[in-house]
Protein backbone atom coordinates (compact mmCIF):
# COMPACT_ATOMS: atom_id res chain seq x y z
CA MET A 1 2.20 1.59 -17.40
CA LYS A 2 4.04 0.86 -14.18
CA ASN A 3 2.35 1.73 -10.75
CA THR A 4 3.97 2.05 -7.60
CA LYS A 5 2.81 0.04 -4.61
CA PHE A 6 4.20 -1.13 -1.01
CA VAL A 7 4.94 -3.94 0.86
CA VAL A 8 5.82 -3.74 4.60
CA LYS A 9 9.06 -5.75 5.34
CA VAL A 10 9.13 -6.99 8.91
CA ASN A 11 12.34 -7.71 10.88
CA ARG A 12 12.01 -9.14 14.24
CA GLY A 13 15.46 -9.61 14.76
CA GLY A 14 17.71 -12.57 15.89
CA SER A 15 18.32 -15.45 13.67
CA ARG A 16 14.68 -15.53 12.11
CA ALA A 17 14.20 -14.51 8.57
CA VAL A 18 12.62 -11.52 7.18
CA GLU A 19 8.93 -11.42 6.80
CA TYR A 20 6.24 -9.53 4.96
CA VAL A 21 2.79 -8.61 5.69
CA LEU A 22 0.30 -10.78 4.33
CA ARG A 23 -3.00 -9.84 5.77
CA ILE A 24 -3.80 -6.48 7.91
CA ASP A 25 -7.55 -7.26 8.84
CA SER A 26 -6.96 -9.90 11.47
CA ASN A 27 -5.08 -9.21 14.74
CA PRO A 28 -2.01 -10.19 14.81
CA VAL A 29 -1.09 -9.22 11.32
CA GLN A 30 -0.42 -11.87 8.95
CA THR A 31 3.05 -12.22 7.83
CA THR A 32 4.92 -14.77 5.21
CA VAL A 33 8.44 -14.92 4.06
CA LYS A 34 7.42 -15.33 0.52
CA ARG A 35 7.82 -11.79 -0.98
CA GLY A 36 5.58 -12.83 -3.79
CA LEU A 37 2.67 -13.63 -1.43
CA ALA A 38 3.07 -10.41 0.45
CA LEU A 39 0.10 -7.87 0.37
CA ALA A 40 0.92 -4.73 -1.97
CA MET A 41 -0.79 -1.88 -0.82
CA GLY A 42 -0.98 1.80 -1.23
CA LYS A 43 1.24 4.36 0.33
CA LEU A 44 -1.31 5.58 3.31
CA THR A 45 -2.30 2.06 3.88
CA ALA A 46 1.14 0.98 4.30
CA GLN A 47 2.01 3.81 6.60
CA ASP A 48 -1.26 2.60 8.86
CA VAL A 49 0.41 -0.54 8.98
CA LEU A 50 3.95 0.44 10.27
CA ARG A 51 2.39 2.65 12.52
CA SER A 52 0.63 -0.35 14.25
CA LEU A 53 3.79 -2.65 13.98
CA SER A 54 5.94 -0.03 15.45
CA THR A 55 4.98 -0.70 18.68
CA SER A 56 5.41 -4.08 18.79
CA ARG A 57 9.10 -6.00 19.02
CA CYS A 58 9.53 -5.85 15.41
CA THR A 59 11.38 -3.57 13.04
CA PRO A 60 8.81 -2.56 9.64
CA GLU A 61 9.87 -0.98 7.03
CA LEU A 62 8.49 0.46 3.68
CA VAL A 63 9.77 -1.66 0.34
CA PRO A 64 8.67 0.16 -2.83
CA MET A 65 7.98 -2.16 -5.72
CA GLU A 66 6.62 -1.76 -9.45
CA VAL A 67 3.62 -3.47 -10.34
CA ASN A 68 1.59 -3.49 -13.91
CA ARG A 69 -1.50 -1.87 -13.90
């Protein structure tokens, strides 16, 4: 059975590559360019991360992904 989880994609603008949130328990939030290492989280947690990153200079967005249970 497939389950839907979310990763937070961060675009910092300019010539930098798109990054994904790796850890949320540290300040600032750690990111990675490898999607396979990105933190898969539930929708409410992902929305909280989105809100906390929206005040910075980056553009965050939710990306849904299917995972096996």
